[in-house]
Every structure is written in C-alpha cells, then in structure tokens.
PDB file of N, CA and C in Angstrom:
ATOM      1  N   MET A   1     -37.443  50.975  54.748  1.00  0.00           N
ATOM      2  CA  MET A   1     -36.957  49.496  55.265  1.00  0.00           C
ATOM      3  C   MET A   1     -38.701  49.162  55.628  1.00  0.00           C
ATOM      4  N   ALA A   2     -39.401  48.354  55.735  1.00  0.00           N
ATOM      5  CA  ALA A   2     -39.465  48.629  56.877  1.00  0.00           C
ATOM      6  C   ALA A   2     -40.230  46.605  57.290  1.00  0.00           C
ATOM      7  N   ILE A   3     -40.136  46.303  58.317  1.00  0.00           N
ATOM      8  CA  ILE A   3     -40.023  44.428  59.325  1.00  0.00           C
ATOM      9  C   ILE A   3     -41.448  44.590  60.173  1.00  0.00           C
ATOM     10  N   GLN A   4     -41.805  43.568  59.008  1.00  0.00           N
ATOM     11  CA  GLN A   4     -42.941  42.708  59.702  1.00  0.00           C
ATOM     12  C   GLN A   4     -42.948  41.239  60.948  1.00  0.00           C
ATOM     13  N   LYS A   5     -43.114  41.680  62.436  1.00  0.00           N
ATOM     14  CA  LYS A   5     -42.965  40.625  63.085  1.00  0.00           C
ATOM     15  C   LYS A   5     -44.408  39.510  62.817  1.00  0.00           C
ATOM     16  N   LYS A   6     -44.371  38.603  62.730  1.00  0.00           N
ATOM     17  CA  LYS A   6     -45.291  37.323  62.906  1.00  0.00           C
ATOM     18  C   LYS A   6     -45.083  35.888  63.270  1.00  0.00           C
ATOM     19  N   ARG A   7     -45.656  35.664  64.556  1.00  0.00           N
ATOM     20  CA  ARG A   7     -44.853  35.092  65.792  1.00  0.00           C
ATOM     21  C   ARG A   7     -44.785  33.574  65.263  1.00  0.00           C
ATOM     22  N   ASP A   8     -45.954  33.372  64.474  1.00  0.00           N
ATOM     23  CA  ASP A   8     -45.667  31.342  64.030  1.00  0.00           C
ATOM     24  C   ASP A   8     -44.679  31.045  62.672  1.00  0.00           C
ATOM     25  N   THR A   9     -43.152  32.231  62.733  1.00  0.00           N
ATOM     26  CA  THR A   9     -42.985  31.622  61.609  1.00  0.00           C
ATOM     27  C   THR A   9     -41.226  31.322  62.363  1.00  0.00           C
ATOM     28  N   ALA A  10     -41.171  29.890  61.441  1.00  0.00           N
ATOM     29  CA  ALA A  10     -39.569  29.295  62.021  1.00  0.00           C
ATOM     30  C   ALA A  10     -38.328  30.054  61.351  1.00  0.00           C
ATOM     31  N   ALA A  11     -37.791  29.999  62.302  1.00  0.00           N
ATOM     32  CA  ALA A  11     -36.466  30.653  61.859  1.00  0.00           C
ATOM     33  C   ALA A  11     -35.436  29.876  60.439  1.00  0.00           C
ATOM     34  N   PRO A  12     -35.284  31.337  59.302  1.00  0.00           N
ATOM     35  CA  PRO A  12     -34.455  30.083  58.685  1.00  0.00           C
ATOM     36  C   PRO A  12     -33.144  29.382  58.851  1.00  0.00           C
ATOM     37  N   THR A  13     -33.155  28.637  58.614  1.00  0.00           N
ATOM     38  CA  THR A  13     -31.822  27.397  58.600  1.00  0.00           C
ATOM     39  C   THR A  13     -30.427  27.692  57.639  1.00  0.00           C
ATOM     40  N   TRP A  14     -30.764  28.878  56.595  1.00  0.00           N
ATOM     41  CA  TRP A  14     -29.661  29.189  55.299  1.00  0.00           C
ATOM     42  C   TRP A  14     -28.513  29.144  56.623  1.00  0.00           C
ATOM     43  N   PRO A  15     -27.674  28.868  54.983  1.00  0.00           N
ATOM     44  CA  PRO A  15     -27.402  28.049  53.902  1.00  0.00           C
ATOM     45  C   PRO A  15     -28.312  26.644  53.521  1.00  0.00           C
ATOM     46  N   SER A  16     -27.881  26.134  54.896  1.00  0.00           N
ATOM     47  CA  SER A  16     -29.218  24.964  54.410  1.00  0.00           C
ATOM     48  C   SER A  16     -30.246  25.049  53.953  1.00  0.00           C
ATOM     49  N   GLU A  17     -31.219  24.581  53.219  1.00  0.00           N
ATOM     50  CA  GLU A  17     -32.178  24.746  52.961  1.00  0.00           C
ATOM     51  C   GLU A  17     -33.928  24.570  53.963  1.00  0.00           C
ATOM     52  N   ALA A  18     -33.603  23.081  54.960  1.00  0.00           N
ATOM     53  CA  ALA A  18     -34.738  23.440  56.001  1.00  0.00           C
ATOM     54  C   ALA A  18     -35.600  24.376  55.847  1.00  0.00           C
ATOM     55  N   VAL A  19     -35.205  24.826  56.992  1.00  0.00           N
ATOM     56  CA  VAL A  19     -35.575  26.673  56.713  1.00  0.00           C
ATOM     57  C   VAL A  19     -35.725  28.035  55.456  1.00  0.00           C
ATOM     58  N   PRO A  20     -35.945  28.199  54.162  1.00  0.00           N
ATOM     59  CA  PRO A  20     -35.494  28.765  53.369  1.00  0.00           C
ATOM     60  C   PRO A  20     -35.262  30.252  53.900  1.00  0.00           C
ATOM     61  N   MET A  21     -34.458  31.217  53.019  1.00  0.00           N
ATOM     62  CA  MET A  21     -34.466  32.158  54.156  1.00  0.00           C
ATOM     63  C   MET A  21     -35.085  33.012  53.227  1.00  0.00           C
ATOM     64  N   GLN A  22     -35.964  33.812  54.527  1.00  0.00           N
ATOM     65  CA  GLN A  22     -36.543  34.958  54.318  1.00  0.00           C
ATOM     66  C   GLN A  22     -36.498  36.310  53.459  1.00  0.00           C
ATOM     67  N   MET A  23     -35.197  37.039  54.218  1.00  0.00           N
ATOM     68  CA  MET A  23     -34.461  37.818  53.621  1.00  0.00           C
ATOM     69  C   MET A  23     -33.143  37.420  54.879  1.00  0.00           C
ATOM     70  N   HIS A  24     -32.805  38.992  54.326  1.00  0.00           N
ATOM     71  CA  HIS A  24     -31.057  38.737  55.417  1.00  0.00           C
ATOM     72  C   HIS A  24     -30.257  40.167  54.654  1.00  0.00           C
ATOM     73  N   MET A  25     -28.811  40.683  55.830  1.00  0.00           N
ATOM     74  CA  MET A  25     -29.116  42.250  55.527  1.00  0.00           C
ATOM     75  C   MET A  25     -26.878  41.533  55.134  1.00  0.00           C
ATOM     76  N   ASP A  26     -26.372  42.676  54.414  1.00  0.00           N
ATOM     77  CA  ASP A  26     -25.253  42.196  53.917  1.00  0.00           C
ATOM     78  C   ASP A  26     -24.705  42.902  54.597  1.00  0.00           C
ATOM     79  N   PHE A  27     -23.804  43.201  55.441  1.00  0.00           N
ATOM     80  CA  PHE A  27     -22.226  43.991  55.893  1.00  0.00           C
ATOM     81  C   PHE A  27     -21.466  44.140  54.894  1.00  0.00           C
ATOM     82  N   ALA A  28     -21.097  45.632  54.276  1.00  0.00           N
ATOM     83  CA  ALA A  28     -19.706  45.003  53.503  1.00  0.00           C
ATOM     84  C   ALA A  28     -18.530  46.421  54.404  1.00  0.00           C
ATOM     85  N   VAL A  29     -17.488  45.211  53.990  1.00  0.00           N
ATOM     86  CA  VAL A  29     -15.900  46.135  55.154  1.00  0.00           C
ATOM     87  C   VAL A  29     -15.485  46.288  53.947  1.00  0.00           C
ATOM     88  N   SER A  30     -14.136  46.558  54.253  1.00  0.00           N
ATOM     89  CA  SER A  30     -12.752  46.838  52.980  1.00  0.00           C
ATOM     90  C   SER A  30     -12.490  46.264  53.396  1.00  0.00           C
ATOM     91  N   SER A  31     -11.687  44.958  54.190  1.00  0.00           N
ATOM     92  CA  SER A  31     -10.795  44.678  54.420  1.00  0.00           C
ATOM     93  C   SER A  31     -10.523  42.890  54.956  1.00  0.00           C
ATOM     94  N   VAL A  32      -9.825  42.249  55.307  1.00  0.00           N
ATOM     95  CA  VAL A  32      -9.956  41.304  55.430  1.00  0.00           C
ATOM     96  C   VAL A  32      -9.923  40.969  57.448  1.00  0.00           C
ATOM     97  N   ALA A  33      -8.994  42.496  57.209  1.00  0.00           N
ATOM     98  CA  ALA A  33      -8.510  42.806  59.352  1.00  0.00           C
ATOM     99  C   ALA A  33     -10.210  42.458  59.667  1.00  0.00           C
ATOM    100  N   GLU A  34     -10.609  44.027  59.327  1.00  0.00           N
ATOM    101  CA  GLU A  34     -12.073  44.440  59.553  1.00  0.00           C
ATOM    102  C   GLU A  34     -13.339  43.724  58.996  1.00  0.00           C
ATOM    103  N   LEU A  35     -13.102  42.403  58.835  1.00  0.00           N
ATOM    104  CA  LEU A  35     -13.998  41.660  58.531  1.00  0.00           C
ATOM    105  C   LEU A  35     -13.906  40.575  59.979  1.00  0.00           C
ATOM    106  N   GLU A  36     -12.712  40.286  60.448  1.00  0.00           N
ATOM    107  CA  GLU A  36     -12.477  40.040  61.277  1.00  0.00           C
ATOM    108  C   GLU A  36     -12.724  40.512  62.459  1.00  0.00           C
ATOM    109  N   ARG A  37     -12.984  42.164  62.638  1.00  0.00           N
ATOM    110  CA  ARG A  37     -12.981  42.351  64.250  1.00  0.00           C
ATOM    111  C   ARG A  37     -14.622  41.791  63.511  1.00  0.00           C
ATOM    112  N   HIS A  38     -15.794  42.528  62.935  1.00  0.00           N
ATOM    113  CA  HIS A  38     -16.422  42.880  63.042  1.00  0.00           C
ATOM    114  C   HIS A  38     -17.182  41.387  63.402  1.00  0.00           C
ATOM    115  N   ARG A  39     -16.312  40.190  62.782  1.00  0.00           N
ATOM    116  CA  ARG A  39     -17.416  38.735  62.923  1.00  0.00           C
ATOM    117  C   ARG A  39     -17.481  38.486  64.756  1.00  0.00           C
ATOM    118  N   GLU A  40     -16.006  38.719  64.753  1.00  0.00           N
ATOM    119  CA  GLU A  40     -15.063  38.976  66.746  1.00  0.00           C
ATOM    120  C   GLU A  40     -16.650  39.606  67.424  1.00  0.00           C
ATOM    121  N   ARG A  41     -16.996  41.479  67.006  1.00  0.00           N
ATOM    122  CA  ARG A  41     -17.938  41.650  67.609  1.00  0.00           C
ATOM    123  C   ARG A  41     -19.142  41.438  67.799  1.00  0.00           C
ATOM    124  N   ALA A  42     -19.135  40.475  66.096  1.00  0.00           N
ATOM    125  CA  ALA A  42     -20.941  40.162  66.287  1.00  0.00           C
ATOM    126  C   ALA A  42     -20.783  38.370  67.143  1.00  0.00           C
ATOM    127  N   GLU A  43     -20.281  38.622  67.241  1.00  0.00           N
ATOM    128  CA  GLU A  43     -19.707  37.239  68.053  1.00  0.00           C
ATOM    129  C   GLU A  43     -20.682  37.498  69.672  1.00  0.00           C
ATOM    130  N   SER A  44     -19.029  38.093  69.518  1.00  0.00           N
ATOM    131  CA  SER A  44     -19.465  38.747  71.440  1.00  0.00           C
ATOM    132  C   SER A  44     -20.588  39.266  71.781  1.00  0.00           C
ATOM    133  N   ILE A  45     -21.188  39.758  71.138  1.00  0.00           N
ATOM    134  CA  ILE A  45     -23.115  40.037  71.459  1.00  0.00           C
ATOM    135  C   ILE A  45     -23.929  38.904  71.402  1.00  0.00           C
ATOM    136  N   GLY A  46     -23.715  37.869  70.486  1.00  0.00           N
ATOM    137  CA  GLY A  46     -24.575  36.602  70.600  1.00  0.00           C
ATOM    138  C   GLY A  46     -25.069  35.913  69.567  1.00  0.00           C
ATOM    139  N   ALA A  47     -24.024  36.489  68.010  1.00  0.00           N
ATOM    140  CA  ALA A  47     -24.230  36.009  67.686  1.00  0.00           C
ATOM    141  C   ALA A  47     -23.321  34.353  67.198  1.00  0.00           C
ATOM    142  N   ARG A  48     -23.291  33.860  65.909  1.00  0.00           N
ATOM    143  CA  ARG A  48     -22.769  32.735  65.697  1.00  0.00           C
ATOM    144  C   ARG A  48     -22.653  32.511  64.812  1.00  0.00           C
ATOM    145  N   VAL A  49     -21.196  31.665  64.054  1.00  0.00           N
ATOM    146  CA  VAL A  49     -21.122  31.819  62.616  1.00  0.00           C
ATOM    147  C   VAL A  49     -22.021  30.326  61.952  1.00  0.00           C
ATOM    148  N   LEU A  50     -22.822  30.769  60.847  1.00  0.00           N
ATOM    149  CA  LEU A  50     -23.362  29.588  60.161  1.00  0.00           C
ATOM    150  C   LEU A  50     -22.328  29.313  59.165  1.00  0.00           C
ATOM    151  N   LEU A  51     -20.970  30.139  58.744  1.00  0.00           N
ATOM    152  CA  LEU A  51     -20.504  29.284  57.337  1.00  0.00           C
ATOM    153  C   LEU A  51     -19.228  30.233  56.889  1.00  0.00           C
ATOM    154  N   ASP A  52     -18.323  30.332  57.091  1.00  0.00           N
ATOM    155  CA  ASP A  52     -17.004  30.481  57.287  1.00  0.00           C
ATOM    156  C   ASP A  52     -16.390  30.002  55.845  1.00  0.00           C
ATOM    157  N   ARG A  53     -16.649  31.252  55.605  1.00  0.00           N
ATOM    158  CA  ARG A  53     -15.857  31.479  53.424  1.00  0.00           C
ATOM    159  C   ARG A  53     -15.014  32.276  53.361  1.00  0.00           C
ATOM    160  N   THR A  54     -14.087  31.982  54.392  1.00  0.00           N
ATOM    161  CA  THR A  54     -13.075  33.454  54.151  1.00  0.00           C
ATOM    162  C   THR A  54     -11.635  33.514  53.316  1.00  0.00           C
ATOM    163  N   ASP A  55     -11.756  31.656  53.259  1.00  0.00           N
ATOM    164  CA  ASP A  55     -10.712  31.383  52.237  1.00  0.00           C
ATOM    165  C   ASP A  55     -10.852  31.782  51.201  1.00  0.00           C
ATOM    166  N   ASP A  56     -12.127  32.386  50.269  1.00  0.00           N
ATOM    167  CA  ASP A  56     -12.113  32.732  48.984  1.00  0.00           C
ATOM    168  C   ASP A  56     -12.190  33.913  48.609  1.00  0.00           C
ATOM    169  N   PRO A  57     -10.560  33.701  47.616  1.00  0.00           N
ATOM    170  CA  PRO A  57      -9.901  34.837  47.202  1.00  0.00           C
ATOM    171  C   PRO A  57     -10.611  35.988  46.870  1.00  0.00           C
ATOM    172  N   ASP A  58     -12.421  35.878  46.283  1.00  0.00           N
ATOM    173  CA  ASP A  58     -12.047  36.506  44.828  1.00  0.00           C
ATOM    174  C   ASP A  58     -13.325  37.270  46.396  1.00  0.00           C
ATOM    175  N   GLU A  59     -14.592  37.211  47.557  1.00  0.00           N
ATOM    176  CA  GLU A  59     -15.511  37.983  47.783  1.00  0.00           C
ATOM    177  C   GLU A  59     -15.367  36.472  49.889  1.00  0.00           C
ATOM    178  N   PRO A  60     -14.192  37.268  50.328  1.00  0.00           N
ATOM    179  CA  PRO A  60     -14.137  36.160  52.174  1.00  0.00           C
ATOM    180  C   PRO A  60     -15.859  36.902  52.532  1.00  0.00           C
ATOM    181  N   LEU A  61     -15.949  35.463  52.826  1.00  0.00           N
ATOM    182  CA  LEU A  61     -17.259  36.293  53.842  1.00  0.00           C
ATOM    183  C   LEU A  61     -17.865  35.305  55.188  1.00  0.00           C
ATOM    184  N   TYR A  62     -18.750  36.016  56.023  1.00  0.00           N
ATOM    185  CA  TYR A  62     -19.387  34.888  57.122  1.00  0.00           C
ATOM    186  C   TYR A  62     -20.966  34.626  56.639  1.00  0.00           C
ATOM    187  N   VAL A  63     -21.275  34.078  56.853  1.00  0.00           N
ATOM    188  CA  VAL A  63     -22.341  33.792  57.105  1.00  0.00           C
ATOM    189  C   VAL A  63     -23.232  33.931  58.948  1.00  0.00           C
ATOM    190  N   LEU A  64     -23.866  34.537  59.753  1.00  0.00           N
ATOM    191  CA  LEU A  64     -23.932  34.497  60.976  1.00  0.00           C
ATOM    192  C   LEU A  64     -25.399  34.666  61.274  1.00  0.00           C
ATOM    193  N   ALA A  65     -26.026  34.079  62.342  1.00  0.00           N
ATOM    194  CA  ALA A  65     -27.260  34.524  62.983  1.00  0.00           C
ATOM    195  C   ALA A  65     -27.149  34.900  63.878  1.00  0.00           C
ATOM    196  N   ASP A  66     -27.935  35.744  63.742  1.00  0.00           N
ATOM    197  CA  ASP A  66     -28.011  36.700  65.433  1.00  0.00           C
ATOM    198  C   ASP A  66     -28.656  35.606  66.433  1.00  0.00           C
ATOM    199  N   PRO A  67     -29.091  36.085  67.734  1.00  0.00           N
ATOM    200  CA  PRO A  67     -29.226  35.678  69.309  1.00  0.00           C
ATOM    201  C   PRO A  67     -30.848  34.556  68.471  1.00  0.00           C
ATOM    202  N   ALA A  68     -31.273  35.074  67.159  1.00  0.00           N
ATOM    203  CA  ALA A  68     -32.850  34.364  67.105  1.00  0.00           C
ATOM    204  C   ALA A  68     -33.160  33.827  66.057  1.00  0.00           C
ATOM    205  N   GLY A  69     -31.830  33.536  65.444  1.00  0.00           N
ATOM    206  CA  GLY A  69     -31.774  32.959  63.855  1.00  0.00           C
ATOM    207  C   GLY A  69     -31.689  33.220  62.982  1.00  0.00           C
ATOM    208  N   HIS A  70     -31.571  35.254  63.141  1.00  0.00           N
ATOM    209  CA  HIS A  70     -31.419  35.274  61.501  1.00  0.00           C
ATOM    210  C   HIS A  70     -30.594  35.420  61.018  1.00  0.00           C
ATOM    211  N   PRO A  71     -29.774  35.229  60.179  1.00  0.00           N
ATOM    212  CA  PRO A  71     -28.875  35.227  59.202  1.00  0.00           C
ATOM    213  C   PRO A  71     -28.901  36.610  58.830  1.00  0.00           C
ATOM    214  N   PHE A  72     -27.087  37.053  58.241  1.00  0.00           N
ATOM    215  CA  PHE A  72     -27.095  38.030  57.978  1.00  0.00           C
ATOM    216  C   PHE A  72     -25.574  38.046  57.014  1.00  0.00           C
ATOM    217  N   CYS A  73     -25.293  38.312  56.765  1.00  0.00           N
ATOM    218  CA  CYS A  73     -23.541  38.039  55.821  1.00  0.00           C
ATOM    219  C   CYS A  73     -22.886  39.537  56.537  1.00  0.00           C
ATOM    220  N   LEU A  74     -21.350  39.091  56.896  1.00  0.00           N
ATOM    221  CA  LEU A  74     -20.475  40.042  56.655  1.00  0.00           C
ATOM    222  C   LEU A  74     -19.537  39.716  55.621  1.00  0.00           C
ATOM    223  N   LEU A  75     -18.764  41.033  54.831  1.00  0.00           N
ATOM    224  CA  LEU A  75     -18.130  40.337  53.084  1.00  0.00           C
ATOM    225  C   LEU A  75     -16.991  41.343  53.048  1.00  0.00           C
ATOM    226  N   VAL A  76     -15.912  41.077  52.097  1.00  0.00           N
ATOM    227  CA  VAL A  76     -14.989  41.884  52.100  1.00  0.00           C
ATOM    228  C   VAL A  76     -15.836  41.802  50.364  1.00  0.00           C
ATOM    229  N   ARG A  77     -15.914  43.747  49.808  1.00  0.00           N
ATOM    230  CA  ARG A  77     -16.448  44.663  49.307  1.00  0.00           C
ATOM    231  C   ARG A  77     -14.706  45.336  48.803  1.00  0.00           C
TER     232      ARG A  77
END
C-alpha cells in the first residue's frame, strides 16, 4: 500500500456526498461484541461515528472518521 499526502485535499464527508470518498479502510471483526469493543477503542483515541448500521442483521457496521476526518469502517463478517 502506498499513501501520498496532498495539502489542499478536503477531508471526505462520506457517507454524505458533499466531498466524495477518496479511499477508506475496512476492518472486519468476528462478532458484535468485538465490533463494540473496537468502536469504543477508536472513539477513546479520537475517532467519531459517522454512521451506525449495527441494526443490520446481515452486516452490522460503523463508519467512523479518524481525528483528521478520514473515514473507515468497522464491520462484522
């Protein structure tokens, strides 16, 4: 994986489409309990929840943003 920083890039607002997603990471866990544990950990170090879809029985997930605004997903697989 290669990552390149661009100074004038606006942070994506995905899942809103105001500023489109450039990329994001998905992190899969094995259970809803693990999902909650990892969400709590992410929030404790500055992430914020953008979307809570934990009520989806087929694929519970959270979309979060890191402190700089970059989105990532935590999901159960």
